[in-house]
Protein backbone atom coordinates (compact mmCIF):
# COMPACT_ATOMS: atom_id res chain seq x y z
CA MET A 1 151.69 20.35 99.61
CA SER A 2 153.49 23.05 99.37
CA SER A 3 157.43 23.93 99.37
CA ASN A 4 159.64 24.73 102.24
CA LYS A 5 160.98 28.38 102.08
CA ASP A 6 164.74 27.22 103.38
CA TYR A 7 164.45 24.97 100.30
CA LEU A 8 163.98 28.18 98.27
CA ASN A 9 166.26 30.42 99.79
CA TYR A 10 168.95 27.40 99.31
CA VAL A 11 167.93 27.86 95.81
CA ILE A 12 168.01 31.51 95.13
CA GLU A 13 171.18 31.24 97.45
CA GLN A 14 172.88 28.94 94.59
CA LEU A 15 171.78 31.63 92.01
CA SER A 16 173.17 34.13 93.69
CA GLY A 17 175.90 34.49 91.11
CA LEU A 18 173.33 35.79 88.46
CA ASP A 19 171.89 39.63 88.69
CA ASP A 20 168.55 40.28 88.77
CA ILE A 21 167.06 36.84 90.25
CA SER A 22 163.57 37.07 91.79
CA TYR A 23 160.86 34.97 92.99
CA ARG A 24 157.16 35.45 93.86
CA ALA A 25 154.86 33.53 96.38
CA MET A 26 152.20 31.66 94.35
CA MET A 27 149.59 29.64 96.19
CA GLY A 28 152.46 27.70 98.18
CA GLU A 29 155.02 27.40 95.69
CA TYR A 30 157.48 29.97 94.03
CA ILE A 31 158.08 31.50 90.34
CA ILE A 32 161.60 32.02 89.99
CA TYR A 33 162.21 35.03 87.59
CA TYR A 34 165.99 35.83 85.51
CA LYS A 35 165.69 39.20 84.32
CA GLY A 36 161.95 39.78 84.70
CA ARG A 37 161.50 36.35 82.81
CA ILE A 38 160.21 33.12 84.12
CA ILE A 39 162.84 30.30 84.20
CA GLY A 40 160.88 28.08 86.53
CA GLY A 41 160.00 27.44 89.86
CA ILE A 42 159.84 25.75 93.22
CA TYR A 43 157.27 22.93 93.13
CA ASP A 44 156.61 20.35 96.00
CA ASP A 45 160.34 21.01 97.23
CA ARG A 46 161.85 20.31 93.24
CA PHE A 47 163.71 23.17 91.27
CA LEU A 48 161.71 22.63 88.05
CA VAL A 49 162.63 25.06 84.71
CA LYS A 50 161.12 25.16 81.54
CA PRO A 51 161.83 22.45 79.27
CA VAL A 52 163.55 25.07 76.35
CA PRO A 53 166.08 23.75 73.71
CA SER A 54 168.98 24.85 76.03
CA ALA A 55 167.61 23.40 79.27
CA LYS A 56 167.40 20.01 77.43
CA ALA A 57 171.13 20.30 75.95
CA LEU A 58 172.40 21.09 78.96
CA MET A 59 170.17 18.52 80.99
CA PRO A 60 169.46 15.88 78.31
CA SER A 61 168.49 13.09 81.20
CA ALA A 62 166.73 15.07 83.08
CA PRO A 63 163.05 13.68 83.83
CA GLU A 64 159.95 15.68 83.07
CA GLU A 65 157.45 16.44 85.95
CA ILE A 66 154.49 18.36 86.34
CA PRO A 67 154.61 21.40 88.84
CA TYR A 68 151.24 20.67 89.90
CA GLU A 69 147.80 18.93 88.29
CA GLY A 70 146.66 20.76 85.20
CA ALA A 71 150.49 22.06 84.19
CA LYS A 72 152.63 21.68 81.36
CA SER A 73 155.92 19.00 82.23
CA MET A 74 158.90 21.05 82.93
CA LEU A 75 162.13 19.58 83.56
CA LEU A 76 163.89 18.95 87.46
CA VAL A 77 166.80 20.07 87.92
CA GLU A 78 168.89 17.34 90.20
CA ASP A 79 172.15 18.96 90.35
CA ILE A 80 171.04 21.92 92.74
CA ASP A 81 174.58 21.51 94.29
CA ASN A 82 176.26 22.64 91.76
CA LYS A 83 176.28 26.55 91.83
CA GLU A 84 178.52 26.78 88.48
CA PHE A 85 175.94 24.79 86.41
CA LEU A 86 173.06 26.27 87.43
CA CYS A 87 173.90 29.61 86.57
CA LYS A 88 175.22 28.42 83.51
CA LEU A 89 171.67 27.07 83.04
CA VAL A 90 169.81 29.91 83.39
CA ASN A 91 172.02 31.79 81.76
CA ALA A 92 171.33 29.58 78.60
CA MET A 93 167.89 29.48 79.04
CA TYR A 94 167.43 33.26 78.95
CA ASP A 95 167.19 33.79 75.63
CA GLU A 96 164.70 31.31 75.02
CA LEU A 97 162.39 32.33 77.26
CA PRO A 98 159.03 34.35 76.55
CA GLU A 99 158.93 38.28 77.35
CA PRO A 100 156.96 39.11 80.11
CA LYS A 101 153.14 39.81 78.73
CA ARG A 102 152.19 43.38 79.33
CA ARG A 103 149.13 44.02 81.61
CA LYS A 104 146.30 45.85 79.84
CA LYS A 105 145.53 49.00 81.84
């Protein structure tokens, strides 16, 4: 099942308080970036984020879910209606996210 573009647009709108939020479509799903770093994505109309320590601290009871078969588990963001919380979550995660890999020429 692929994700609905309306759900993606809603999540992106909820993150509009942050500068430099972007996304990339990939096989019917969407990878979400903050300042060039992958924070998570939209998978089957679920907003999942990487399970870095700050995300676990802000969402201690968040269920871990698999975005797609063969992938590592991620944290389900259940409170997507709370703009302030989402921005706080993404900001807190940023320093713990890996830098983008440089492509070889």
